[in-house]
Protein backbone atom coordinates (compact mmCIF):
# COMPACT_ATOMS: atom_id res chain seq x y z
CA MET A 1 -9.82 -51.81 -290.30
CA ALA A 2 -12.49 -52.08 -287.60
CA LYS A 3 -11.91 -51.15 -284.00
CA GLU A 4 -11.57 -54.08 -281.59
CA GLU A 5 -14.63 -54.85 -279.51
CA LYS A 6 -14.33 -54.76 -275.73
CA ILE A 7 -15.38 -57.68 -273.55
CA GLU A 8 -17.70 -56.73 -270.68
CA PHE A 9 -17.76 -58.55 -267.35
CA GLU A 10 -19.39 -57.93 -264.00
CA GLY A 11 -17.66 -58.37 -260.70
CA GLU A 12 -17.13 -57.15 -257.17
CA VAL A 13 -14.45 -54.75 -255.95
CA ILE A 14 -12.15 -56.50 -253.48
CA GLU A 15 -9.57 -53.84 -252.73
CA ALA A 16 -8.99 -50.15 -253.49
CA LEU A 17 -5.47 -49.43 -254.72
CA SER A 18 -3.79 -46.07 -255.36
CA ASN A 19 -4.64 -43.61 -258.18
CA GLY A 20 -8.19 -44.81 -258.82
CA LYS A 21 -7.25 -48.45 -259.40
CA TYR A 22 -9.09 -51.40 -257.92
CA ARG A 23 -8.69 -55.17 -257.60
CA ILE A 24 -11.85 -56.86 -258.90
CA ALA A 25 -13.12 -60.43 -258.56
CA LEU A 26 -15.08 -61.27 -261.70
CA ASP A 27 -18.20 -63.44 -261.66
CA ASN A 28 -16.43 -66.13 -263.70
CA GLY A 29 -13.88 -66.69 -260.91
CA HIS A 30 -10.96 -64.69 -262.30
CA GLU A 31 -9.36 -61.66 -260.69
CA THR A 32 -8.30 -58.51 -262.54
CA GLN A 33 -7.25 -54.93 -261.98
CA GLY A 34 -9.43 -52.03 -263.06
CA TYR A 35 -9.28 -48.26 -263.22
CA THR A 36 -12.09 -45.74 -263.29
CA ALA A 37 -13.28 -44.51 -266.67
CA GLY A 38 -13.02 -40.83 -267.57
CA LYS A 39 -16.70 -39.96 -267.06
CA MET A 40 -16.67 -41.68 -263.65
CA ARG A 41 -13.73 -39.49 -262.64
CA ARG A 42 -15.34 -36.39 -264.10
CA TYR A 43 -18.58 -36.84 -262.15
CA ARG A 44 -16.72 -38.09 -259.05
CA ILE A 45 -18.52 -41.42 -258.77
CA ARG A 46 -17.15 -43.17 -255.70
CA ILE A 47 -16.27 -46.86 -255.72
CA LEU A 48 -15.74 -48.73 -252.47
CA PRO A 49 -14.74 -52.33 -251.72
CA GLY A 50 -17.86 -54.49 -251.91
CA ASP A 51 -19.45 -52.54 -254.79
CA ARG A 52 -20.68 -54.38 -257.90
CA VAL A 53 -19.18 -52.96 -261.11
CA LYS A 54 -19.18 -53.53 -264.86
CA ILE A 55 -15.70 -53.66 -266.39
CA GLU A 56 -14.54 -53.54 -270.02
CA LEU A 57 -11.52 -55.67 -270.93
CA SER A 58 -9.51 -55.71 -274.12
CA PRO A 59 -9.22 -59.12 -275.80
CA TYR A 60 -5.44 -58.61 -275.85
CA ASP A 61 -4.93 -57.90 -272.14
CA LEU A 62 -7.33 -59.57 -269.72
CA ALA A 63 -5.26 -58.56 -266.66
CA ARG A 64 -6.59 -54.99 -266.49
CA GLY A 65 -9.60 -53.09 -267.68
CA ARG A 66 -11.77 -50.01 -267.36
CA ILE A 67 -14.61 -49.70 -264.87
CA VAL A 68 -17.55 -48.21 -266.78
CA PHE A 69 -20.53 -48.66 -264.43
CA ARG A 70 -21.19 -49.03 -260.68
CA PHE A 71 -24.38 -50.79 -259.66
CA ARG A 72 -26.40 -49.43 -256.75
């Protein structure tokens, strides 16, 4: 059985929540919650409100996802 593919979206961080979670407004008009991926935590990449990010969402739960990239 194959592993499920993730859906990638781009958006902008609206609000920083506790424990490395963020509220993100996606480019398609939806809003979701995201948390920092493991490598972003390991290398201490900072994310602030207003930053553009790439987020991976599971096709089963579109309400929260994993932030995998922060644009400059």
